[in-house]
Structure formats: structure tokens, C-alpha cells
Amino acid sequence: MDSQEHRKTAARMANRARESGTDWFEEFYQWTGGDEVKVPWADLGAHPLLVEWLNGRQLGSTAIVGCGLGDDAEAASHYADSVWAFDISETAIKWAQRRFPDSSVIYETSDLFRLPAERRCAFSTVIEIYTLQALPPERRQAALESLASLVSPAGELVIISRWREPETELGPVPWPLLISELDELDRLGLTRTEQTSQPAGQAIRLVWRKP
């Protein structure tokens, strides 16, 4: 089975989950049987736009949202006082812990839509990469509200995602974001401080600061 078939399997699971209103990530990670090749979004390295942003920074407490196999969390750990990396998939969390047995990162299973109370407003940096685009549009407002709730006063929220023009069909997962969807963060009181520029379909990095 090639990478295109792996993506089709992920898309089928995502579409079924969208119809039933459930999550599909745990089912998918179990389906891979521990084979990294079957995870389309697992590049086994930190995202280049994150690496670029991290360079030379000093971060405090940091949260990694939808951490998957852990590469972005590990990259952030070199710049942060502490890192909490979570994913709704218990299989993914255990996988990340196996890959990085000596890591200082705290890997935990947690649901973005049911965050522990003690995690709210607890992080000076919150980093989300490709999780929003794996969620159907009807769930994104609630997801953005949860993301914003993690950020401490004067903290930053970093989002890296592919984006699309309004006239572009949604297509199969991943579902690139409309930039207008992220305006919800501005309405929540965060201030946008950065937005990189790339053609539609490519990944961009956006950064907000909480007052």
C-alpha cells in the first residue's frame, strides 16, 4: 500500500467520523499498527515553519496541540522551560513516548474540546500544527475557543496550517482553512502579530498575542 492509499484510508475514517460527530484519530493510529510510513502527516521532523519561528527564542511554559508522534514537541523543548504535548489519541501518545524515552516533554492524552481546568490560561506559548485542518469546519469555532483558553495573559498562540480560497471546494481531509475562519481569534480578543505569505494550498504561520 502506497502513501496515496494511506491518505485515502485517513480520508475515509475522517468522513465517517464527520457524519457521526466523533473523532477518528485513535482509530487511524491503531490502524497503522505502529508503522510510521502509514501516517501521512508524520514527517519525523519538526515542521520547517516552526523551526524557523523557534530560532533564538526563549519560551516559558509551552503547549503543543495534537502532538502526534512528538517531533514538534521535541523541537520546542529545546527553547521552552517546560512542554506539555497532548493528543486525543492514546496510541499516538504512547508512540511519542517510545520514540523519545528520555524526553523532558510531558506527553498526555487529552481532548482539545474537554481540556482539564488546570491547563486553562497556563501557557505562555501554545502551538497548533495541522490539527485544525483535520477537523471539519463545523467544529473549528469551538476548537479555536479552546486554543485561546490555553494561552496565559501576554502569551502567544502559533498556528501553522494549509489554507484555501473561499471559492475552492473543501475536498477530502485535510481540509485547508479559510483565513476568515481564524478571525474568530481576533473576536476572542487576541491580537494577530504575524502572518506569513504562501499560495493557497500551502502552509502558512500565524501568530496571535493575548493581552
N, C-alpha and C. Protein backbone atom coordinates (compact mmCIF):
# COMPACT_ATOMS: atom_id res chain seq x y z
N MET A 1 0.85 -1.19 0.00
CA MET A 1 0.00 0.00 0.00
C MET A 1 0.88 1.25 0.00
N ASP A 2 0.65 2.18 -0.94
CA ASP A 2 1.49 3.36 -1.04
C ASP A 2 0.91 4.52 -0.22
N SER A 3 1.64 5.64 -0.22
CA SER A 3 1.24 6.78 0.60
C SER A 3 -0.13 7.34 0.21
N GLN A 4 -0.46 7.27 -1.08
CA GLN A 4 -1.75 7.75 -1.53
C GLN A 4 -2.88 6.91 -0.93
N GLU A 5 -2.67 5.62 -0.84
CA GLU A 5 -3.67 4.75 -0.21
C GLU A 5 -3.79 5.03 1.28
N HIS A 6 -2.69 5.36 1.92
CA HIS A 6 -2.74 5.71 3.35
C HIS A 6 -3.59 6.96 3.54
N ARG A 7 -3.42 7.93 2.66
CA ARG A 7 -4.21 9.16 2.75
C ARG A 7 -5.69 8.87 2.50
N LYS A 8 -5.97 7.97 1.58
CA LYS A 8 -7.37 7.63 1.30
C LYS A 8 -8.01 6.94 2.51
N THR A 9 -7.24 6.11 3.18
CA THR A 9 -7.75 5.46 4.38
C THR A 9 -8.07 6.49 5.45
N ALA A 10 -7.16 7.45 5.65
CA ALA A 10 -7.39 8.52 6.61
C ALA A 10 -8.63 9.32 6.23
N ALA A 11 -8.79 9.61 4.94
CA ALA A 11 -9.94 10.40 4.48
C ALA A 11 -11.25 9.66 4.73
N ARG A 12 -11.26 8.36 4.49
CA ARG A 12 -12.49 7.59 4.73
C ARG A 12 -12.86 7.62 6.21
N MET A 13 -11.88 7.45 7.06
CA MET A 13 -12.14 7.49 8.50
C MET A 13 -12.63 8.87 8.93
N ALA A 14 -12.00 9.91 8.39
CA ALA A 14 -12.39 11.27 8.74
C ALA A 14 -13.82 11.58 8.29
N ASN A 15 -14.19 11.13 7.10
CA ASN A 15 -15.53 11.38 6.59
C ASN A 15 -16.58 10.64 7.41
N ARG A 16 -16.29 9.40 7.79
CA ARG A 16 -17.22 8.65 8.64
C ARG A 16 -17.39 9.34 9.99
N ALA A 17 -16.27 9.81 10.54
CA ALA A 17 -16.33 10.48 11.84
C ALA A 17 -17.11 11.79 11.75
N ARG A 18 -16.96 12.48 10.63
CA ARG A 18 -17.70 13.73 10.46
C ARG A 18 -19.20 13.47 10.42
N GLU A 19 -19.60 12.42 9.77
CA GLU A 19 -21.02 12.08 9.69
C GLU A 19 -21.60 11.69 11.04
N SER A 20 -20.78 11.03 11.86
CA SER A 20 -21.27 10.55 13.15
C SER A 20 -20.98 11.51 14.30
N GLY A 21 -20.20 12.57 14.01
CA GLY A 21 -19.87 13.53 15.05
C GLY A 21 -18.85 13.02 16.05
N THR A 22 -18.02 12.09 15.63
CA THR A 22 -17.00 11.51 16.51
C THR A 22 -15.60 11.86 16.01
N ASP A 23 -14.60 11.45 16.78
CA ASP A 23 -13.21 11.65 16.38
C ASP A 23 -12.69 10.38 15.70
N TRP A 24 -11.68 10.55 14.86
CA TRP A 24 -11.18 9.43 14.08
C TRP A 24 -9.69 9.16 14.30
N PHE A 25 -9.03 9.99 15.09
CA PHE A 25 -7.59 9.92 15.18
C PHE A 25 -7.11 8.63 15.86
N GLU A 26 -7.76 8.22 16.94
CA GLU A 26 -7.34 6.99 17.61
C GLU A 26 -7.52 5.79 16.69
N GLU A 27 -8.65 5.75 15.99
CA GLU A 27 -8.88 4.65 15.05
C GLU A 27 -7.78 4.59 14.01
N PHE A 28 -7.38 5.75 13.52
CA PHE A 28 -6.36 5.77 12.48
C PHE A 28 -5.01 5.31 13.01
N TYR A 29 -4.60 5.84 14.16
CA TYR A 29 -3.29 5.45 14.70
C TYR A 29 -3.25 3.96 15.01
N GLN A 30 -4.36 3.40 15.48
CA GLN A 30 -4.39 1.96 15.69
C GLN A 30 -4.27 1.20 14.37
N TRP A 31 -4.91 1.72 13.34
CA TRP A 31 -4.86 1.07 12.03
C TRP A 31 -3.44 0.99 11.49
N THR A 32 -2.59 1.96 11.80
CA THR A 32 -1.23 1.96 11.27
C THR A 32 -0.40 0.80 11.80
N GLY A 33 -0.80 0.24 12.94
CA GLY A 33 -0.03 -0.86 13.50
C GLY A 33 1.39 -0.47 13.89
N GLY A 34 1.60 0.81 14.19
CA GLY A 34 2.93 1.25 14.60
C GLY A 34 3.89 1.51 13.46
N ASP A 35 3.37 1.55 12.24
CA ASP A 35 4.21 1.80 11.06
C ASP A 35 4.16 3.29 10.72
N GLU A 36 5.26 3.99 10.95
CA GLU A 36 5.32 5.43 10.72
C GLU A 36 5.04 5.80 9.26
N VAL A 37 5.37 4.92 8.35
CA VAL A 37 5.16 5.19 6.93
C VAL A 37 3.68 5.39 6.61
N LYS A 38 2.81 4.78 7.40
CA LYS A 38 1.38 4.88 7.14
C LYS A 38 0.74 6.17 7.65
N VAL A 39 1.50 6.99 8.36
CA VAL A 39 0.98 8.24 8.91
C VAL A 39 1.34 9.37 7.96
N PRO A 40 0.39 9.85 7.14
CA PRO A 40 0.73 10.82 6.09
C PRO A 40 1.35 12.11 6.61
N TRP A 41 0.97 12.52 7.82
CA TRP A 41 1.44 13.80 8.35
C TRP A 41 2.69 13.64 9.22
N ALA A 42 3.21 12.43 9.34
CA ALA A 42 4.39 12.19 10.18
C ALA A 42 5.65 12.33 9.33
N ASP A 43 6.25 13.52 9.35
CA ASP A 43 7.47 13.76 8.60
C ASP A 43 8.72 13.35 9.39
N LEU A 44 8.50 12.96 10.66
CA LEU A 44 9.59 12.52 11.54
C LEU A 44 10.64 13.62 11.71
N GLY A 45 10.14 14.83 11.76
CA GLY A 45 10.95 16.02 12.00
C GLY A 45 10.02 17.18 12.26
N ALA A 46 10.50 18.19 12.94
CA ALA A 46 9.67 19.36 13.23
C ALA A 46 9.31 20.11 11.96
N HIS A 47 8.15 20.74 11.97
CA HIS A 47 7.71 21.49 10.79
C HIS A 47 8.67 22.65 10.54
N PRO A 48 9.10 22.87 9.30
CA PRO A 48 10.06 23.94 9.00
C PRO A 48 9.60 25.33 9.45
N LEU A 49 8.31 25.61 9.35
CA LEU A 49 7.82 26.92 9.79
C LEU A 49 7.90 27.07 11.30
N LEU A 50 7.82 25.97 12.02
CA LEU A 50 8.02 26.03 13.47
C LEU A 50 9.49 26.21 13.79
N VAL A 51 10.34 25.46 13.14
CA VAL A 51 11.79 25.57 13.37
C VAL A 51 12.25 27.00 13.13
N GLU A 52 11.76 27.60 12.06
CA GLU A 52 12.10 28.99 11.74
C GLU A 52 11.67 29.93 12.85
N TRP A 53 10.45 29.74 13.35
CA TRP A 53 9.91 30.62 14.38
C TRP A 53 10.62 30.44 15.72
N LEU A 54 11.00 29.22 16.04
CA LEU A 54 11.65 28.94 17.32
C LEU A 54 13.06 29.52 17.41
N ASN A 55 13.72 29.67 16.30
CA ASN A 55 15.13 30.01 16.28
C ASN A 55 15.44 31.24 17.14
N GLY A 56 16.25 31.04 18.17
CA GLY A 56 16.69 32.13 19.02
C GLY A 56 15.72 32.57 20.08
N ARG A 57 14.55 31.95 20.16
CA ARG A 57 13.55 32.37 21.16
C ARG A 57 13.80 31.70 22.51
N GLN A 58 13.26 32.32 23.53
CA GLN A 58 13.24 31.74 24.86
C GLN A 58 11.78 31.66 25.28
N LEU A 59 11.27 30.44 25.37
CA LEU A 59 9.87 30.22 25.69
C LEU A 59 9.73 29.80 27.14
N GLY A 60 8.60 30.13 27.71
CA GLY A 60 8.28 29.66 29.05
C GLY A 60 7.55 28.34 28.97
N SER A 61 6.44 28.23 29.66
CA SER A 61 5.62 27.03 29.60
C SER A 61 4.94 26.97 28.23
N THR A 62 5.01 25.81 27.58
CA THR A 62 4.56 25.68 26.20
C THR A 62 3.64 24.47 26.06
N ALA A 63 2.57 24.64 25.29
CA ALA A 63 1.65 23.54 24.99
C ALA A 63 1.71 23.24 23.50
N ILE A 64 1.76 21.96 23.17
CA ILE A 64 1.72 21.50 21.78
C ILE A 64 0.41 20.77 21.59
N VAL A 65 -0.41 21.25 20.70
CA VAL A 65 -1.78 20.74 20.50
C VAL A 65 -1.76 19.68 19.40
N GLY A 66 -2.39 18.53 19.67
CA GLY A 66 -2.42 17.46 18.66
C GLY A 66 -1.02 17.05 18.28
N CYS A 67 -0.24 16.62 19.27
CA CYS A 67 1.21 16.47 19.08
C CYS A 67 1.60 15.29 18.22
N GLY A 68 0.69 14.35 17.97
CA GLY A 68 1.04 13.22 17.11
C GLY A 68 2.23 12.44 17.64
N LEU A 69 3.23 12.23 16.81
CA LEU A 69 4.37 11.40 17.17
C LEU A 69 5.48 12.18 17.89
N GLY A 70 5.27 13.48 18.11
CA GLY A 70 6.12 14.20 19.04
C GLY A 70 7.24 15.06 18.50
N ASP A 71 7.44 15.12 17.19
CA ASP A 71 8.62 15.85 16.68
C ASP A 71 8.57 17.34 16.96
N ASP A 72 7.40 17.96 16.82
CA ASP A 72 7.30 19.40 17.08
C ASP A 72 7.49 19.69 18.57
N ALA A 73 6.96 18.82 19.42
CA ALA A 73 7.14 19.00 20.86
C ALA A 73 8.61 18.92 21.24
N GLU A 74 9.32 17.97 20.65
CA GLU A 74 10.74 17.82 20.96
C GLU A 74 11.52 19.05 20.51
N ALA A 75 11.18 19.59 19.36
CA ALA A 75 11.86 20.80 18.89
C ALA A 75 11.62 21.96 19.84
N ALA A 76 10.38 22.11 20.29
CA ALA A 76 10.05 23.20 21.20
C ALA A 76 10.74 23.05 22.54
N SER A 77 10.97 21.81 22.95
CA SER A 77 11.55 21.57 24.27
C SER A 77 12.96 22.16 24.41
N HIS A 78 13.64 22.39 23.31
CA HIS A 78 14.99 22.97 23.36
C HIS A 78 14.95 24.46 23.65
N TYR A 79 13.77 25.07 23.57
CA TYR A 79 13.64 26.51 23.77
C TYR A 79 12.73 26.88 24.94
N ALA A 80 12.04 25.90 25.49
CA ALA A 80 11.00 26.16 26.47
C ALA A 80 11.41 25.71 27.88
N ASP A 81 10.85 26.39 28.87
CA ASP A 81 11.07 25.96 30.25
C ASP A 81 10.41 24.61 30.50
N SER A 82 9.23 24.41 29.91
CA SER A 82 8.51 23.14 30.04
C SER A 82 7.59 22.99 28.85
N VAL A 83 7.29 21.74 28.48
CA VAL A 83 6.39 21.46 27.35
C VAL A 83 5.38 20.40 27.76
N TRP A 84 4.11 20.74 27.58
CA TRP A 84 3.02 19.78 27.70
C TRP A 84 2.50 19.52 26.29
N ALA A 85 2.60 18.28 25.85
CA ALA A 85 2.18 17.90 24.49
C ALA A 85 1.03 16.91 24.62
N PHE A 86 -0.09 17.21 23.97
CA PHE A 86 -1.23 16.32 24.12
C PHE A 86 -1.84 15.96 22.78
N ASP A 87 -2.52 14.84 22.79
CA ASP A 87 -3.22 14.35 21.61
C ASP A 87 -4.42 13.55 22.11
N ILE A 88 -5.49 13.56 21.34
CA ILE A 88 -6.67 12.79 21.72
C ILE A 88 -6.43 11.30 21.58
N SER A 89 -5.44 10.93 20.80
CA SER A 89 -5.13 9.52 20.56
C SER A 89 -4.14 8.99 21.59
N GLU A 90 -4.58 8.05 22.40
CA GLU A 90 -3.69 7.42 23.37
C GLU A 90 -2.58 6.65 22.66
N THR A 91 -2.92 6.06 21.51
CA THR A 91 -1.91 5.33 20.75
C THR A 91 -0.80 6.25 20.28
N ALA A 92 -1.15 7.46 19.82
CA ALA A 92 -0.14 8.42 19.38
C ALA A 92 0.74 8.85 20.54
N ILE A 93 0.14 9.07 21.71
CA ILE A 93 0.91 9.50 22.87
C ILE A 93 1.91 8.43 23.28
N LYS A 94 1.47 7.20 23.35
CA LYS A 94 2.38 6.11 23.72
C LYS A 94 3.49 5.95 22.68
N TRP A 95 3.15 6.18 21.42
CA TRP A 95 4.13 6.10 20.33
C TRP A 95 5.20 7.17 20.51
N ALA A 96 4.77 8.40 20.80
CA ALA A 96 5.72 9.50 21.03
C ALA A 96 6.62 9.20 22.22
N GLN A 97 6.06 8.65 23.27
CA GLN A 97 6.86 8.33 24.45
C GLN A 97 7.90 7.25 24.14
N ARG A 98 7.54 6.30 23.28
CA ARG A 98 8.52 5.28 22.88
C ARG A 98 9.63 5.88 22.02
N ARG A 99 9.26 6.80 21.16
CA ARG A 99 10.25 7.41 20.29
C ARG A 99 11.24 8.28 21.05
N PHE A 100 10.77 8.90 22.13
CA PHE A 100 11.62 9.84 22.88
C PHE A 100 11.59 9.46 24.36
N PRO A 101 12.19 8.32 24.71
CA PRO A 101 12.08 7.81 26.09
C PRO A 101 12.74 8.70 27.14
N ASP A 102 13.71 9.50 26.74
CA ASP A 102 14.43 10.35 27.69
C ASP A 102 13.99 11.81 27.62
N SER A 103 12.85 12.06 27.00
CA SER A 103 12.39 13.42 26.77
C SER A 103 11.94 14.10 28.06
N SER A 104 12.11 15.42 28.10
CA SER A 104 11.57 16.23 29.20
C SER A 104 10.12 16.63 28.95
N VAL A 105 9.63 16.36 27.75
CA VAL A 105 8.25 16.71 27.40
C VAL A 105 7.27 15.85 28.18
N ILE A 106 6.21 16.48 28.67
CA ILE A 106 5.12 15.75 29.32
C ILE A 106 4.10 15.40 28.23
N TYR A 107 4.03 14.15 27.87
CA TYR A 107 3.08 13.68 26.86
C TYR A 107 1.85 13.13 27.57
N GLU A 108 0.67 13.62 27.19
CA GLU A 108 -0.57 13.18 27.82
C GLU A 108 -1.69 13.05 26.79
N THR A 109 -2.58 12.13 27.05
CA THR A 109 -3.81 12.02 26.26
C THR A 109 -4.80 13.04 26.78
N SER A 110 -5.27 13.90 25.90
CA SER A 110 -6.26 14.91 26.29
C SER A 110 -7.04 15.34 25.07
N ASP A 111 -8.25 15.83 25.32
CA ASP A 111 -9.18 16.23 24.27
C ASP A 111 -9.24 17.75 24.22
N LEU A 112 -8.94 18.32 23.07
CA LEU A 112 -8.99 19.77 22.91
C LEU A 112 -10.33 20.35 23.30
N PHE A 113 -11.40 19.57 23.14
CA PHE A 113 -12.74 20.06 23.44
C PHE A 113 -13.15 19.81 24.89
N ARG A 114 -12.28 19.15 25.64
CA ARG A 114 -12.55 18.89 27.07
C ARG A 114 -11.26 19.05 27.85
N LEU A 115 -10.72 20.24 27.81
CA LEU A 115 -9.43 20.49 28.44
C LEU A 115 -9.53 20.46 29.96
N PRO A 116 -8.53 19.92 30.63
CA PRO A 116 -8.51 19.97 32.09
C PRO A 116 -8.50 21.42 32.57
N ALA A 117 -9.23 21.70 33.62
CA ALA A 117 -9.36 23.07 34.11
C ALA A 117 -8.00 23.68 34.46
N GLU A 118 -7.09 22.85 34.98
CA GLU A 118 -5.79 23.38 35.40
C GLU A 118 -4.91 23.78 34.22
N ARG A 119 -5.27 23.40 33.01
CA ARG A 119 -4.48 23.77 31.84
C ARG A 119 -4.91 25.11 31.23
N ARG A 120 -6.01 25.63 31.63
CA ARG A 120 -6.52 26.87 31.04
C ARG A 120 -5.68 28.07 31.51
N CYS A 121 -5.34 28.92 30.57
CA CYS A 121 -4.52 30.13 30.83
C CYS A 121 -3.18 29.77 31.46
N ALA A 122 -2.65 28.59 31.16
CA ALA A 122 -1.46 28.10 31.83
C ALA A 122 -0.18 28.19 31.00
N PHE A 123 -0.28 28.63 29.73
CA PHE A 123 0.88 28.52 28.84
C PHE A 123 1.22 29.86 28.19
N SER A 124 2.49 30.20 28.25
CA SER A 124 2.94 31.43 27.60
C SER A 124 3.06 31.25 26.09
N THR A 125 3.14 29.99 25.64
CA THR A 125 3.17 29.70 24.21
C THR A 125 2.30 28.47 23.94
N VAL A 126 1.41 28.59 22.97
CA VAL A 126 0.58 27.47 22.53
C VAL A 126 0.82 27.29 21.04
N ILE A 127 1.14 26.07 20.63
CA ILE A 127 1.49 25.79 19.23
C ILE A 127 0.56 24.73 18.68
N GLU A 128 -0.10 25.07 17.58
CA GLU A 128 -1.02 24.14 16.90
C GLU A 128 -0.57 23.99 15.46
N ILE A 129 -0.31 22.75 15.02
CA ILE A 129 0.14 22.49 13.66
C ILE A 129 -0.70 21.39 13.04
N TYR A 130 -1.47 21.74 12.04
CA TYR A 130 -2.23 20.79 11.21
C TYR A 130 -3.37 20.07 11.95
N THR A 131 -3.66 20.45 13.18
CA THR A 131 -4.80 19.84 13.87
C THR A 131 -6.11 20.43 13.39
N LEU A 132 -6.17 21.75 13.27
CA LEU A 132 -7.41 22.40 12.83
C LEU A 132 -7.83 21.91 11.45
N GLN A 133 -6.88 21.70 10.55
CA GLN A 133 -7.25 21.29 9.19
C GLN A 133 -7.70 19.84 9.13
N ALA A 134 -7.51 19.09 10.21
CA ALA A 134 -8.04 17.74 10.29
C ALA A 134 -9.42 17.69 10.93
N LEU A 135 -9.91 18.87 11.35
CA LEU A 135 -11.25 18.98 11.92
C LEU A 135 -12.20 19.57 10.89
N PRO A 136 -13.42 19.07 10.81
CA PRO A 136 -14.38 19.66 9.87
C PRO A 136 -14.72 21.10 10.26
N PRO A 137 -15.08 21.94 9.30
CA PRO A 137 -15.32 23.35 9.57
C PRO A 137 -16.30 23.62 10.70
N GLU A 138 -17.30 22.75 10.86
CA GLU A 138 -18.32 22.99 11.88
C GLU A 138 -17.77 22.84 13.31
N ARG A 139 -16.59 22.30 13.47
CA ARG A 139 -16.01 22.14 14.81
C ARG A 139 -14.92 23.16 15.11
N ARG A 140 -14.61 24.00 14.14
CA ARG A 140 -13.42 24.84 14.30
C ARG A 140 -13.63 26.02 15.24
N GLN A 141 -14.82 26.57 15.29
CA GLN A 141 -15.01 27.68 16.22
C GLN A 141 -14.78 27.23 17.65
N ALA A 142 -15.34 26.08 18.01
CA ALA A 142 -15.13 25.56 19.36
C ALA A 142 -13.66 25.24 19.59
N ALA A 143 -12.98 24.73 18.56
CA ALA A 143 -11.56 24.41 18.68
C ALA A 143 -10.74 25.67 18.92
N LEU A 144 -11.07 26.73 18.20
CA LEU A 144 -10.34 27.99 18.37
C LEU A 144 -10.57 28.58 19.76
N GLU A 145 -11.78 28.46 20.26
CA GLU A 145 -12.06 28.92 21.61
C GLU A 145 -11.22 28.16 22.63
N SER A 146 -11.08 26.86 22.44
CA SER A 146 -10.27 26.05 23.34
C SER A 146 -8.79 26.41 23.24
N LEU A 147 -8.32 26.62 22.02
CA LEU A 147 -6.92 27.03 21.84
C LEU A 147 -6.65 28.33 22.59
N ALA A 148 -7.52 29.30 22.41
CA ALA A 148 -7.33 30.60 23.06
C ALA A 148 -7.35 30.47 24.58
N SER A 149 -8.13 29.52 25.07
CA SER A 149 -8.26 29.37 26.52
C SER A 149 -6.99 28.85 27.18
N LEU A 150 -6.11 28.23 26.40
CA LEU A 150 -4.85 27.71 26.94
C LEU A 150 -3.82 28.81 27.18
N VAL A 151 -3.96 29.92 26.47
CA VAL A 151 -2.93 30.97 26.45
C VAL A 151 -3.03 31.84 27.69
N SER A 152 -1.91 32.05 28.35
CA SER A 152 -1.86 32.93 29.51
C SER A 152 -1.84 34.39 29.06
N PRO A 153 -2.17 35.33 29.94
CA PRO A 153 -2.05 36.74 29.59
C PRO A 153 -0.64 37.07 29.10
N ALA A 154 -0.57 37.83 28.02
CA ALA A 154 0.68 38.21 27.35
C ALA A 154 1.34 37.03 26.64
N GLY A 155 0.63 35.90 26.55
CA GLY A 155 1.17 34.74 25.86
C GLY A 155 0.88 34.78 24.37
N GLU A 156 1.47 33.81 23.65
CA GLU A 156 1.33 33.75 22.20
C GLU A 156 0.71 32.42 21.75
N LEU A 157 -0.07 32.50 20.69
CA LEU A 157 -0.65 31.34 20.03
C LEU A 157 -0.09 31.26 18.62
N VAL A 158 0.52 30.14 18.28
CA VAL A 158 1.10 29.92 16.95
C VAL A 158 0.28 28.85 16.24
N ILE A 159 -0.20 29.17 15.05
CA ILE A 159 -0.96 28.21 14.24
C ILE A 159 -0.26 28.05 12.90
N ILE A 160 -0.03 26.81 12.51
CA ILE A 160 0.52 26.50 11.18
C ILE A 160 -0.48 25.59 10.48
N SER A 161 -0.95 26.04 9.33
CA SER A 161 -1.99 25.28 8.62
C SER A 161 -1.94 25.61 7.14
N ARG A 162 -2.43 24.68 6.34
CA ARG A 162 -2.67 24.98 4.94
C ARG A 162 -3.95 25.81 4.85
N TRP A 163 -4.03 26.63 3.79
CA TRP A 163 -5.21 27.48 3.66
C TRP A 163 -5.75 27.39 2.24
N ARG A 164 -7.00 27.84 2.08
CA ARG A 164 -7.63 27.80 0.77
C ARG A 164 -8.43 29.07 0.52
N GLU A 165 -8.66 29.34 -0.75
CA GLU A 165 -9.50 30.46 -1.14
C GLU A 165 -10.98 30.09 -0.93
N PRO A 166 -11.86 31.08 -0.69
CA PRO A 166 -13.27 30.78 -0.43
C PRO A 166 -13.96 30.01 -1.55
N GLU A 167 -13.54 30.22 -2.78
CA GLU A 167 -14.21 29.56 -3.90
C GLU A 167 -13.71 28.13 -4.13
N THR A 168 -12.70 27.71 -3.39
CA THR A 168 -12.15 26.37 -3.56
C THR A 168 -12.99 25.34 -2.80
N GLU A 169 -13.27 24.22 -3.46
CA GLU A 169 -14.03 23.17 -2.80
C GLU A 169 -13.25 22.59 -1.63
N LEU A 170 -14.00 22.13 -0.62
CA LEU A 170 -13.36 21.62 0.58
C LEU A 170 -12.55 20.37 0.30
N GLY A 171 -13.10 19.43 -0.47
CA GLY A 171 -12.38 18.21 -0.82
C GLY A 171 -12.20 17.29 0.38
N PRO A 172 -11.35 16.25 0.23
CA PRO A 172 -11.11 15.30 1.32
C PRO A 172 -10.16 15.86 2.36
N VAL A 173 -10.15 15.22 3.54
CA VAL A 173 -9.21 15.62 4.58
C VAL A 173 -7.77 15.47 4.06
N PRO A 174 -6.85 16.38 4.40
CA PRO A 174 -7.02 17.53 5.27
C PRO A 174 -7.84 18.63 4.61
N TRP A 175 -8.61 19.35 5.46
CA TRP A 175 -9.47 20.42 4.97
C TRP A 175 -8.80 21.76 5.24
N PRO A 176 -8.08 22.33 4.26
CA PRO A 176 -7.40 23.61 4.48
C PRO A 176 -8.36 24.69 4.99
N LEU A 177 -7.85 25.59 5.80
CA LEU A 177 -8.67 26.61 6.43
C LEU A 177 -8.89 27.80 5.51
N LEU A 178 -10.02 28.44 5.68
CA LEU A 178 -10.20 29.79 5.18
C LEU A 178 -9.56 30.74 6.19
N ILE A 179 -8.86 31.75 5.71
CA ILE A 179 -8.25 32.71 6.62
C ILE A 179 -9.32 33.36 7.48
N SER A 180 -10.51 33.55 6.90
CA SER A 180 -11.60 34.19 7.65
C SER A 180 -12.02 33.37 8.86
N GLU A 181 -11.81 32.06 8.83
CA GLU A 181 -12.16 31.23 9.99
C GLU A 181 -11.32 31.63 11.20
N LEU A 182 -10.11 32.05 10.96
CA LEU A 182 -9.21 32.40 12.06
C LEU A 182 -9.50 33.79 12.62
N ASP A 183 -10.40 34.53 11.97
CA ASP A 183 -10.81 35.82 12.52
C ASP A 183 -11.50 35.64 13.87
N GLU A 184 -11.96 34.42 14.15
CA GLU A 184 -12.58 34.14 15.44
C GLU A 184 -11.62 34.48 16.59
N LEU A 185 -10.33 34.27 16.38
CA LEU A 185 -9.36 34.58 17.43
C LEU A 185 -9.29 36.07 17.70
N ASP A 186 -9.44 36.88 16.66
CA ASP A 186 -9.47 38.33 16.85
C ASP A 186 -10.72 38.72 17.66
N ARG A 187 -11.84 38.05 17.37
CA ARG A 187 -13.07 38.33 18.11
C ARG A 187 -12.97 37.88 19.56
N LEU A 188 -12.10 36.90 19.81
CA LEU A 188 -11.89 36.43 21.18
C LEU A 188 -10.94 37.34 21.96
N GLY A 189 -10.44 38.38 21.30
CA GLY A 189 -9.62 39.36 21.99
C GLY A 189 -8.13 39.22 21.80
N LEU A 190 -7.68 38.25 21.00
CA LEU A 190 -6.26 38.11 20.72
C LEU A 190 -5.87 39.04 19.58
N THR A 191 -4.63 39.44 19.54
CA THR A 191 -4.12 40.36 18.52
C THR A 191 -3.19 39.61 17.58
N ARG A 192 -3.51 39.65 16.28
CA ARG A 192 -2.67 38.97 15.29
C ARG A 192 -1.40 39.78 15.09
N THR A 193 -0.25 39.13 15.25
CA THR A 193 1.03 39.82 15.15
C THR A 193 1.87 39.36 13.97
N GLU A 194 1.49 38.23 13.35
CA GLU A 194 2.28 37.71 12.23
C GLU A 194 1.41 36.84 11.34
N GLN A 195 1.64 36.94 10.04
CA GLN A 195 1.02 36.03 9.08
C GLN A 195 1.95 35.91 7.88
N THR A 196 2.51 34.74 7.68
CA THR A 196 3.39 34.55 6.54
C THR A 196 2.56 34.47 5.26
N SER A 197 3.24 34.54 4.15
CA SER A 197 2.55 34.58 2.85
C SER A 197 3.00 33.40 2.00
N GLN A 198 2.01 32.56 1.64
CA GLN A 198 2.26 31.45 0.73
C GLN A 198 1.01 31.26 -0.13
N PRO A 199 1.16 30.69 -1.35
CA PRO A 199 0.00 30.47 -2.21
C PRO A 199 -1.02 29.54 -1.54
N ALA A 200 -2.27 29.66 -1.96
CA ALA A 200 -3.32 28.78 -1.45
C ALA A 200 -2.91 27.32 -1.62
N GLY A 201 -3.25 26.52 -0.63
CA GLY A 201 -2.87 25.12 -0.63
C GLY A 201 -1.58 24.84 0.11
N GLN A 202 -0.81 25.90 0.38
CA GLN A 202 0.45 25.76 1.10
C GLN A 202 0.26 26.12 2.58
N ALA A 203 1.24 25.78 3.38
CA ALA A 203 1.17 26.08 4.80
C ALA A 203 1.62 27.50 5.08
N ILE A 204 0.91 28.14 6.00
CA ILE A 204 1.31 29.46 6.48
C ILE A 204 1.38 29.41 8.01
N ARG A 205 2.10 30.37 8.56
CA ARG A 205 2.22 30.51 10.02
C ARG A 205 1.57 31.81 10.44
N LEU A 206 0.72 31.72 11.44
CA LEU A 206 0.07 32.89 12.00
C LEU A 206 0.31 32.91 13.51
N VAL A 207 0.48 34.11 14.06
CA VAL A 207 0.77 34.24 15.48
C VAL A 207 -0.15 35.30 16.07
N TRP A 208 -0.69 34.99 17.25
CA TRP A 208 -1.53 35.94 17.99
C TRP A 208 -0.93 36.13 19.38
N ARG A 209 -1.21 37.29 19.97
CA ARG A 209 -0.83 37.55 21.36
C ARG A 209 -2.09 37.87 22.16
N LYS A 210 -2.12 37.30 23.36
CA LYS A 210 -3.25 37.59 24.26
C LYS A 210 -2.88 38.80 25.12
N PRO A 211 -3.79 39.75 25.28
CA PRO A 211 -3.50 40.92 26.13
C PRO A 211 -3.15 40.52 27.56
